[in-house]
Protein backbone atom coordinates (compact mmCIF):
# COMPACT_ATOMS: atom_id res chain seq x y z
CA MET A 1 22.99 149.46 249.07
CA ASP A 2 20.77 150.91 252.00
CA VAL A 3 18.90 148.27 254.03
CA ALA A 4 16.40 147.77 256.86
CA GLU A 5 17.07 146.01 259.65
CA HIS A 6 14.19 144.27 261.91
CA GLU A 7 15.11 142.27 265.04
CA LEU A 8 12.34 139.63 265.43
CA ASN A 9 11.19 137.61 268.62
CA HIS A 10 7.66 136.09 267.83
CA PRO A 11 7.58 133.16 267.03
CA TRP A 12 11.21 132.70 267.08
CA GLU A 13 14.29 134.92 267.48
CA GLY A 14 15.56 136.20 264.00
CA VAL A 15 16.54 139.16 261.97
CA LEU A 16 14.68 140.20 258.49
CA VAL A 17 17.23 142.50 256.64
CA THR A 18 15.65 143.90 253.32
CA PRO A 19 16.78 146.52 250.55
CA ALA A 20 15.32 149.83 251.40
CA HIS A 21 13.94 149.59 248.04
CA GLY A 22 12.23 146.51 248.63
CA SER A 23 12.59 143.14 246.69
CA ASP A 24 10.41 140.45 245.28
CA ALA A 25 13.13 137.88 245.72
CA GLY A 26 13.91 136.23 249.62
CA VAL A 27 15.95 133.62 250.96
CA LEU A 28 15.62 131.76 254.47
CA VAL A 29 18.95 131.76 256.25
CA LEU A 30 19.69 129.04 258.42
CA ALA A 31 22.97 128.11 260.42
CA GLY A 32 24.17 124.96 261.08
CA SER A 33 24.84 123.39 264.77
CA SER A 34 25.78 126.70 266.08
CA GLY A 35 21.82 127.88 266.14
CA ARG A 36 22.97 131.02 265.96
CA ILE A 37 21.16 133.97 264.14
CA GLU A 38 23.07 134.81 260.88
CA HIS A 39 22.92 138.42 260.86
CA GLU A 40 25.87 139.50 258.63
CA ARG A 41 25.12 136.94 256.04
CA ALA A 42 21.40 138.31 255.73
CA ARG A 43 22.94 142.16 255.43
CA ILE A 44 25.24 140.67 252.86
CA LEU A 45 22.08 139.38 250.69
CA ALA A 46 20.25 142.69 251.24
CA GLN A 47 22.91 144.37 250.12
CA GLN A 48 22.84 142.61 246.67
CA GLY A 49 19.04 143.35 246.41
CA ILE A 50 17.56 140.01 248.08
CA ALA A 51 15.39 140.05 251.46
CA ALA A 52 16.95 137.88 253.81
CA LEU A 53 15.32 136.13 257.07
CA SER A 54 17.44 134.28 259.36
CA ILE A 55 15.94 132.55 262.56
CA ARG A 56 17.07 130.77 265.17
CA TRP A 57 15.45 127.20 264.45
CA PHE A 58 16.42 125.33 267.55
CA GLY A 59 17.89 126.12 270.66
CA GLY A 60 15.71 128.88 271.79
CA PRO A 61 12.87 129.44 274.12
CA GLY A 62 10.27 126.90 273.58
CA GLN A 63 12.23 124.73 270.70
CA SER A 64 14.08 121.74 270.70
CA PRO A 65 17.39 122.00 272.21
CA GLY A 66 19.42 120.47 269.27
CA ILE A 67 18.88 119.46 265.50
CA CYS A 68 16.03 116.89 265.96
CA GLU A 69 12.33 116.86 265.49
CA ILE A 70 12.23 120.41 264.38
CA PRO A 71 8.38 120.81 263.32
CA LEU A 72 8.15 121.87 259.50
CA GLU A 73 5.81 125.07 260.79
CA THR A 74 8.83 126.66 261.76
CA PHE A 75 10.17 126.58 258.23
CA THR A 76 6.72 127.57 256.34
CA ALA A 77 5.94 129.99 258.96
CA ALA A 78 9.28 131.88 258.02
CA VAL A 79 8.85 131.36 254.07
CA ASP A 80 5.33 132.91 254.72
CA LEU A 81 7.30 136.10 256.56
CA LEU A 82 9.30 136.54 253.41
CA THR A 83 5.96 136.00 251.27
CA THR A 84 4.15 138.69 253.38
CA SER A 85 7.40 141.04 253.17
CA GLY A 86 6.95 140.91 249.12
CA ALA A 87 9.09 138.31 248.36
CA ARG A 88 7.27 136.03 245.29
CA ARG A 89 10.55 133.95 244.50
CA ILE A 90 12.06 132.59 247.63
CA GLY A 91 15.02 130.42 248.15
CA ILE A 92 16.60 128.75 251.23
CA LEU A 93 19.98 128.99 252.23
CA GLY A 94 21.76 126.07 254.67
CA VAL A 95 24.69 126.25 256.68
CA SER A 96 26.54 122.94 257.14
CA LYS A 97 26.12 121.88 260.61
CA GLY A 98 29.46 120.41 261.09
CA LEU A 99 30.84 117.11 261.24
CA SER A 100 29.65 114.21 263.76
CA ARG A 101 32.47 112.80 265.63
CA LYS A 102 32.07 109.26 267.29
């Protein structure tokens, strides 16, 4: 399935990948402790007919340096972007942040 990929840089770094024909389903994809943007995971979802948005939710310019004190508005803004892209059904996919070693 053909997909369209849009790099984002405001209000956060990210990528929005959508099926070429559009979709009423969307997923916010969040990486764990790496903080990376999940390009490949977003592409796989889009190839299956689901709009996918992956964002850098910490560690970027003006963001918390680690996984702590993340404003909820970070996530509501991402869900809003999926909604304005045509998604009416939205899920969130989070990948493990790994183990904490003491």
